[in-house]
């Protein structure tokens, strides 16, 4: 199962985040709780979880596992699952970046597959660290029959979508992942997809109980 983290403080401020480490906003916390409730309703039981080295993904994962009563499972952390590194764009407001480099150039950096922003990674670069990690560390666990949860980021998960759904370089550019919306896959023994189910939790922003804001 794939899960993009809830809204972060820098998402809220419309900043390029990359490998920086902001926390979740209150909305992001609620998205994580709601995702957990959606998974609990599905009755899924996980054996191992994988996440990045960044706080927003880790905190989302912790909340989800708490909500489904599975906080004691093994969790593996690796920077291979980190968000795409935006290089010199990191920390800039999207409007500021367009003023500096021009809207057309920003769109090329954001929406092309293999063009890097200055000092940063393209989606292709991101895939070149995510996919070997998936093949070497995650897929053997899945192939052994265990149920896996991966909590990560928009671009690291888009790289995984390419592999799981057999998407090409053009098709992946048009795929976006909502924050806090779990995607459940059933896979064949060769790793190809049998079924994809996107859980679309109620987007109610009713606050969770105070003792659950962590």
C-alpha atoms as a PDB file:
ATOM      1  CA  UNK A   1       0.000   0.000   0.000  1.00  0.00           C
ATOM      2  CA  UNK A   2       1.221   3.508  -0.882  1.00  0.00           C
ATOM      3  CA  UNK A   3       0.466   6.622   1.153  1.00  0.00           C
ATOM      4  CA  UNK A   4       1.575  10.181   0.525  1.00  0.00           C
ATOM      5  CA  UNK A   5       2.117  12.144   3.727  1.00  0.00           C
ATOM      6  CA  UNK A   6      -0.425  14.680   4.952  1.00  0.00           C
ATOM      7  CA  UNK A   7      -0.121  18.375   4.176  1.00  0.00           C
ATOM      8  CA  UNK A   8       3.152  19.842   5.476  1.00  0.00           C
ATOM      9  CA  UNK A   9       3.862  23.364   6.697  1.00  0.00           C
ATOM     10  CA  UNK A  10       5.712  24.096   3.462  1.00  0.00           C
ATOM     11  CA  UNK A  11       2.924  22.629   1.313  1.00  0.00           C
ATOM     12  CA  UNK A  12       0.615  25.088   3.032  1.00  0.00           C
ATOM     13  CA  UNK A  13       2.997  27.973   2.271  1.00  0.00           C
ATOM     14  CA  UNK A  14       3.373  26.881  -1.385  1.00  0.00           C
ATOM     15  CA  UNK A  15       7.124  26.341  -1.030  1.00  0.00           C
ATOM     16  CA  UNK A  16       9.348  23.851  -2.866  1.00  0.00           C
ATOM     17  CA  UNK A  17      10.138  21.418  -0.048  1.00  0.00           C
ATOM     18  CA  UNK A  18      12.331  18.595  -1.337  1.00  0.00           C
ATOM     19  CA  UNK A  19      14.646  17.233   1.365  1.00  0.00           C
ATOM     20  CA  UNK A  20      13.869  19.956   3.897  1.00  0.00           C
ATOM     21  CA  UNK A  21      12.101  18.705   6.990  1.00  0.00           C
ATOM     22  CA  UNK A  22       8.957  20.666   7.909  1.00  0.00           C
ATOM     23  CA  UNK A  23       6.304  19.072  10.082  1.00  0.00           C
ATOM     24  CA  UNK A  24       2.651  18.437   9.269  1.00  0.00           C
ATOM     25  CA  UNK A  25       0.080  21.192   9.530  1.00  0.00           C
ATOM     26  CA  UNK A  26      -3.087  20.651  11.549  1.00  0.00           C
ATOM     27  CA  UNK A  27      -4.784  19.746   8.267  1.00  0.00           C
ATOM     28  CA  UNK A  28      -1.979  17.271   7.564  1.00  0.00           C
ATOM     29  CA  UNK A  29      -2.464  15.660  10.976  1.00  0.00           C
ATOM     30  CA  UNK A  30      -6.163  15.295  10.310  1.00  0.00           C
ATOM     31  CA  UNK A  31      -5.489  13.816   6.861  1.00  0.00           C
ATOM     32  CA  UNK A  32      -3.280  11.196   8.506  1.00  0.00           C
ATOM     33  CA  UNK A  33      -5.950  10.323  11.075  1.00  0.00           C
ATOM     34  CA  UNK A  34      -8.604  10.092   8.364  1.00  0.00           C
ATOM     35  CA  UNK A  35      -6.356   7.853   6.228  1.00  0.00           C
ATOM     36  CA  UNK A  36      -5.880   5.597   9.243  1.00  0.00           C
ATOM     37  CA  UNK A  37      -9.611   5.328   9.734  1.00  0.00           C
ATOM     38  CA  UNK A  38     -10.099   4.453   6.058  1.00  0.00           C
ATOM     39  CA  UNK A  39      -7.529   1.664   6.375  1.00  0.00           C
ATOM     40  CA  UNK A  40      -9.104   0.415   9.578  1.00  0.00           C
ATOM     41  CA  UNK A  41     -12.437   0.170   7.745  1.00  0.00           C
ATOM     42  CA  UNK A  42     -10.726  -2.001   5.102  1.00  0.00           C
ATOM     43  CA  UNK A  43      -9.422  -4.357   7.794  1.00  0.00           C
ATOM     44  CA  UNK A  44      -5.903  -4.424   6.393  1.00  0.00           C
ATOM     45  CA  UNK A  45      -3.176  -5.950   8.553  1.00  0.00           C
ATOM     46  CA  UNK A  46       0.393  -4.906   7.749  1.00  0.00           C
ATOM     47  CA  UNK A  47       3.584  -6.818   8.489  1.00  0.00           C
ATOM     48  CA  UNK A  48       6.254  -4.218   7.628  1.00  0.00           C
ATOM     49  CA  UNK A  49       6.235  -0.468   6.910  1.00  0.00           C
ATOM     50  CA  UNK A  50       8.754   1.539   4.900  1.00  0.00           C
ATOM     51  CA  UNK A  51       9.198   5.298   5.016  1.00  0.00           C
ATOM     52  CA  UNK A  52      11.669   8.069   4.258  1.00  0.00           C
ATOM     53  CA  UNK A  53      14.066   9.919   6.534  1.00  0.00           C
ATOM     54  CA  UNK A  54      11.772  12.972   6.548  1.00  0.00           C
ATOM     55  CA  UNK A  55       9.506  13.950   9.429  1.00  0.00           C
ATOM     56  CA  UNK A  56       6.313  14.546   7.472  1.00  0.00           C
ATOM     57  CA  UNK A  57       6.240  10.997   6.108  1.00  0.00           C
ATOM     58  CA  UNK A  58       7.295   9.411   9.393  1.00  0.00           C
ATOM     59  CA  UNK A  59       4.689  11.279  11.406  1.00  0.00           C
ATOM     60  CA  UNK A  60       1.951  10.393   8.918  1.00  0.00           C
ATOM     61  CA  UNK A  61       2.960   6.749   9.191  1.00  0.00           C
ATOM     62  CA  UNK A  62       3.006   6.821  13.000  1.00  0.00           C
ATOM     63  CA  UNK A  63      -0.492   8.290  13.144  1.00  0.00           C
ATOM     64  CA  UNK A  64      -1.883   5.796  10.641  1.00  0.00           C
ATOM     65  CA  UNK A  65      -0.374   2.822  12.457  1.00  0.00           C
ATOM     66  CA  UNK A  66      -1.752   4.108  15.764  1.00  0.00           C
ATOM     67  CA  UNK A  67      -5.211   4.504  14.257  1.00  0.00           C
ATOM     68  CA  UNK A  68      -5.248   0.916  12.968  1.00  0.00           C
ATOM     69  CA  UNK A  69      -3.757  -0.506  16.170  1.00  0.00           C
ATOM     70  CA  UNK A  70      -0.548  -1.724  14.505  1.00  0.00           C
ATOM     71  CA  UNK A  71       2.132   0.512  16.028  1.00  0.00           C
ATOM     72  CA  UNK A  72       4.273  -2.491  16.949  1.00  0.00           C
ATOM     73  CA  UNK A  73       5.124  -3.588  13.387  1.00  0.00           C
ATOM     74  CA  UNK A  74       8.631  -3.277  11.973  1.00  0.00           C
ATOM     75  CA  UNK A  75       9.389   0.101  10.367  1.00  0.00           C
ATOM     76  CA  UNK A  76      12.319   0.586   7.990  1.00  0.00           C
ATOM     77  CA  UNK A  77      13.613   4.093   7.246  1.00  0.00           C
ATOM     78  CA  UNK A  78      15.657   5.035   4.185  1.00  0.00           C
ATOM     79  CA  UNK A  79      16.496   8.254   2.352  1.00  0.00           C
ATOM     80  CA  UNK A  80      15.973   6.398  -0.929  1.00  0.00           C
ATOM     81  CA  UNK A  81      12.263   7.126  -0.317  1.00  0.00           C
ATOM     82  CA  UNK A  82      12.839  10.851   0.301  1.00  0.00           C
ATOM     83  CA  UNK A  83      11.091  13.449  -1.818  1.00  0.00           C
ATOM     84  CA  UNK A  84      12.718  14.707  -4.997  1.00  0.00           C
ATOM     85  CA  UNK A  85      15.534  17.177  -4.243  1.00  0.00           C
ATOM     86  CA  UNK A  86      14.572  20.535  -5.757  1.00  0.00           C
ATOM     87  CA  UNK A  87      18.076  22.010  -5.464  1.00  0.00           C
ATOM     88  CA  UNK A  88      18.100  25.816  -5.730  1.00  0.00           C
ATOM     89  CA  UNK A  89      14.305  25.903  -5.853  1.00  0.00           C
ATOM     90  CA  UNK A  90      14.095  24.501  -2.313  1.00  0.00           C
ATOM     91  CA  UNK A  91      12.544  26.939   0.132  1.00  0.00           C
ATOM     92  CA  UNK A  92      11.294  29.304  -2.562  1.00  0.00           C
ATOM     93  CA  UNK A  93       7.671  30.222  -2.949  1.00  0.00           C
ATOM     94  CA  UNK A  94       6.351  29.060  -6.314  1.00  0.00           C
ATOM     95  CA  UNK A  95       5.637  32.675  -7.287  1.00  0.00           C
ATOM     96  CA  UNK A  96       9.150  33.802  -6.284  1.00  0.00           C
ATOM     97  CA  UNK A  97      10.660  30.990  -8.342  1.00  0.00           C
ATOM     98  CA  UNK A  98       8.666  32.036 -11.410  1.00  0.00           C
ATOM     99  CA  UNK A  99       9.756  35.651 -10.958  1.00  0.00           C
ATOM    100  CA  UNK A 100      13.397  34.546 -10.852  1.00  0.00           C
ATOM    101  CA  UNK A 101      13.529  31.991 -13.670  1.00  0.00           C
ATOM    102  CA  UNK A 102      10.302  32.539 -15.590  1.00  0.00           C
ATOM    103  CA  UNK A 103       7.092  30.529 -15.580  1.00  0.00           C
ATOM    104  CA  UNK A 104       8.026  28.469 -18.644  1.00  0.00           C
ATOM    105  CA  UNK A 105      11.342  27.307 -17.148  1.00  0.00           C
ATOM    106  CA  UNK A 106       9.726  26.429 -13.803  1.00  0.00           C
ATOM    107  CA  UNK A 107       7.115  24.331 -15.581  1.00  0.00           C
ATOM    108  CA  UNK A 108       9.870  22.519 -17.497  1.00  0.00           C
ATOM    109  CA  UNK A 109      11.631  21.670 -14.216  1.00  0.00           C
ATOM    110  CA  UNK A 110       8.414  20.644 -12.495  1.00  0.00           C
ATOM    111  CA  UNK A 111       6.755  18.688 -15.281  1.00  0.00           C
ATOM    112  CA  UNK A 112       9.486  17.111 -17.383  1.00  0.00           C
ATOM    113  CA  UNK A 113      10.787  13.633 -16.658  1.00  0.00           C
ATOM    114  CA  UNK A 114      14.526  14.125 -17.031  1.00  0.00           C
ATOM    115  CA  UNK A 115      15.297  17.862 -16.726  1.00  0.00           C
ATOM    116  CA  UNK A 116      16.871  18.829 -13.394  1.00  0.00           C
ATOM    117  CA  UNK A 117      16.383  22.131 -11.581  1.00  0.00           C
ATOM    118  CA  UNK A 118      19.733  23.764 -10.681  1.00  0.00           C
ATOM    119  CA  UNK A 119      21.507  21.570  -8.141  1.00  0.00           C
ATOM    120  CA  UNK A 120      18.525  19.236  -7.837  1.00  0.00           C
ATOM    121  CA  UNK A 121      16.968  16.018  -9.141  1.00  0.00           C
ATOM    122  CA  UNK A 122      14.658  15.257 -12.024  1.00  0.00           C
ATOM    123  CA  UNK A 123      11.889  12.688 -11.630  1.00  0.00           C
ATOM    124  CA  UNK A 124      14.182  10.302 -13.523  1.00  0.00           C
ATOM    125  CA  UNK A 125      16.926  10.841 -10.905  1.00  0.00           C
ATOM    126  CA  UNK A 126      14.399  10.200  -8.145  1.00  0.00           C
ATOM    127  CA  UNK A 127      13.284   6.977  -9.815  1.00  0.00           C
ATOM    128  CA  UNK A 128      16.902   5.860 -10.135  1.00  0.00           C
ATOM    129  CA  UNK A 129      17.215   5.725  -6.340  1.00  0.00           C
ATOM    130  CA  UNK A 130      13.648   4.683  -5.485  1.00  0.00           C
ATOM    131  CA  UNK A 131      13.291   1.742  -7.859  1.00  0.00           C
ATOM    132  CA  UNK A 132      16.503  -0.116  -6.917  1.00  0.00           C
ATOM    133  CA  UNK A 133      15.509   0.251  -3.255  1.00  0.00           C
ATOM    134  CA  UNK A 134      12.081  -1.147  -4.075  1.00  0.00           C
ATOM    135  CA  UNK A 135      13.516  -4.097  -5.999  1.00  0.00           C
ATOM    136  CA  UNK A 136      16.199  -4.915  -3.420  1.00  0.00           C
ATOM    137  CA  UNK A 137      14.477  -4.125  -0.107  1.00  0.00           C
ATOM    138  CA  UNK A 138      10.698  -3.895  -0.491  1.00  0.00           C
ATOM    139  CA  UNK A 139       9.766  -6.361  -3.235  1.00  0.00           C
ATOM    140  CA  UNK A 140      11.421  -9.367  -1.520  1.00  0.00           C
ATOM    141  CA  UNK A 141       9.214  -8.685   1.524  1.00  0.00           C
ATOM    142  CA  UNK A 142       6.095  -8.447  -0.634  1.00  0.00           C
ATOM    143  CA  UNK A 143       7.059 -11.549  -2.611  1.00  0.00           C
ATOM    144  CA  UNK A 144       7.358 -13.506   0.643  1.00  0.00           C
ATOM    145  CA  UNK A 145       3.640 -12.942   1.195  1.00  0.00           C
ATOM    146  CA  UNK A 146       3.775 -10.055   3.650  1.00  0.00           C
ATOM    147  CA  UNK A 147       1.578  -6.988   3.528  1.00  0.00           C
ATOM    148  CA  UNK A 148       3.601  -3.777   3.212  1.00  0.00           C
ATOM    149  CA  UNK A 149       2.783  -0.111   3.842  1.00  0.00           C
ATOM    150  CA  UNK A 150       4.952   2.574   2.183  1.00  0.00           C
ATOM    151  CA  UNK A 151       4.542   6.131   3.504  1.00  0.00           C
ATOM    152  CA  UNK A 152       6.518   8.600   1.432  1.00  0.00           C
ATOM    153  CA  UNK A 153       6.247  11.624  -0.874  1.00  0.00           C
ATOM    154  CA  UNK A 154       4.601  12.737  -4.086  1.00  0.00           C
ATOM    155  CA  UNK A 155       7.566  12.167  -6.382  1.00  0.00           C
ATOM    156  CA  UNK A 156       9.134   9.133  -4.722  1.00  0.00           C
ATOM    157  CA  UNK A 157       5.717   7.456  -4.884  1.00  0.00           C
ATOM    158  CA  UNK A 158       5.227   8.525  -8.508  1.00  0.00           C
ATOM    159  CA  UNK A 159       8.453   6.660  -9.279  1.00  0.00           C
ATOM    160  CA  UNK A 160       6.938   3.555  -7.694  1.00  0.00           C
ATOM    161  CA  UNK A 161       3.737   4.019  -9.695  1.00  0.00           C
ATOM    162  CA  UNK A 162       5.781   3.739 -12.871  1.00  0.00           C
ATOM    163  CA  UNK A 163       6.930   0.284 -11.835  1.00  0.00           C
ATOM    164  CA  UNK A 164       3.710  -0.988 -10.263  1.00  0.00           C
ATOM    165  CA  UNK A 165       1.389   0.218 -13.013  1.00  0.00           C
ATOM    166  CA  UNK A 166       3.730  -0.082 -15.994  1.00  0.00           C
ATOM    167  CA  UNK A 167       3.558   3.621 -16.844  1.00  0.00           C
ATOM    168  CA  UNK A 168       5.929   5.236 -19.326  1.00  0.00           C
ATOM    169  CA  UNK A 169       7.801   8.522 -18.945  1.00  0.00           C
ATOM    170  CA  UNK A 170       5.010  10.537 -20.533  1.00  0.00           C
ATOM    171  CA  UNK A 171       2.148   8.901 -18.634  1.00  0.00           C
ATOM    172  CA  UNK A 172       3.711   9.439 -15.199  1.00  0.00           C
ATOM    173  CA  UNK A 173       3.907  13.203 -15.786  1.00  0.00           C
ATOM    174  CA  UNK A 174       0.115  13.378 -15.668  1.00  0.00           C
ATOM    175  CA  UNK A 175      -0.291  11.453 -12.421  1.00  0.00           C
ATOM    176  CA  UNK A 176      -0.692  13.226  -9.103  1.00  0.00           C
ATOM    177  CA  UNK A 177      -1.146  11.743  -5.644  1.00  0.00           C
ATOM    178  CA  UNK A 178      -3.439  13.354  -3.116  1.00  0.00           C
ATOM    179  CA  UNK A 179      -2.120  13.839   0.390  1.00  0.00           C
ATOM    180  CA  UNK A 180      -3.417  11.271   2.848  1.00  0.00           C
ATOM    181  CA  UNK A 181      -5.180   9.071   0.256  1.00  0.00           C
ATOM    182  CA  UNK A 182      -4.083   5.392   0.544  1.00  0.00           C
ATOM    183  CA  UNK A 183      -3.650   3.320  -2.619  1.00  0.00           C
ATOM    184  CA  UNK A 184      -3.850  -0.451  -2.156  1.00  0.00           C
ATOM    185  CA  UNK A 185      -2.289  -2.838  -4.693  1.00  0.00           C
ATOM    186  CA  UNK A 186      -2.563  -6.568  -5.229  1.00  0.00           C
ATOM    187  CA  UNK A 187       0.421  -7.923  -7.158  1.00  0.00           C
ATOM    188  CA  UNK A 188       1.241 -11.072  -9.084  1.00  0.00           C
ATOM    189  CA  UNK A 189       4.280 -13.200  -8.193  1.00  0.00           C
ATOM    190  CA  UNK A 190       6.222 -11.405 -10.951  1.00  0.00           C
ATOM    191  CA  UNK A 191       5.443  -8.015  -9.386  1.00  0.00           C
ATOM    192  CA  UNK A 192       2.892  -6.880 -11.965  1.00  0.00           C
ATOM    193  CA  UNK A 193      -0.366  -5.347 -10.831  1.00  0.00           C
ATOM    194  CA  UNK A 194      -3.560  -7.373 -10.414  1.00  0.00           C
ATOM    195  CA  UNK A 195      -5.675  -4.693  -8.802  1.00  0.00           C
ATOM    196  CA  UNK A 196      -5.403  -1.063  -7.709  1.00  0.00           C
ATOM    197  CA  UNK A 197      -7.815   0.410  -5.201  1.00  0.00           C
ATOM    198  CA  UNK A 198      -7.635   4.040  -4.136  1.00  0.00           C
ATOM    199  CA  UNK A 199      -9.259   4.710  -0.797  1.00  0.00           C
ATOM    200  CA  UNK A 200     -10.762   8.170  -0.837  1.00  0.00           C
ATOM    201  CA  UNK A 201     -11.309   9.060   2.806  1.00  0.00           C
ATOM    202  CA  UNK A 202     -13.963  11.565   3.728  1.00  0.00           C
ATOM    203  CA  UNK A 203     -12.267  14.936   3.462  1.00  0.00           C
ATOM    204  CA  UNK A 204     -13.992  16.188   6.608  1.00  0.00           C
ATOM    205  CA  UNK A 205     -11.583  18.402   8.509  1.00  0.00           C
ATOM    206  CA  UNK A 206     -13.236  17.827  11.862  1.00  0.00           C
ATOM    207  CA  UNK A 207     -10.409  17.863  14.364  1.00  0.00           C
ATOM    208  CA  UNK A 208      -9.477  14.585  16.057  1.00  0.00           C
ATOM    209  CA  UNK A 209      -9.693  14.430  19.824  1.00  0.00           C
ATOM    210  CA  UNK A 210      -7.108  16.615  21.577  1.00  0.00           C
ATOM    211  CA  UNK A 211      -5.294  13.623  23.014  1.00  0.00           C
ATOM    212  CA  UNK A 212      -4.615  12.425  19.465  1.00  0.00           C
ATOM    213  CA  UNK A 213      -2.840  15.578  18.251  1.00  0.00           C
ATOM    214  CA  UNK A 214       0.797  14.505  18.446  1.00  0.00           C
END
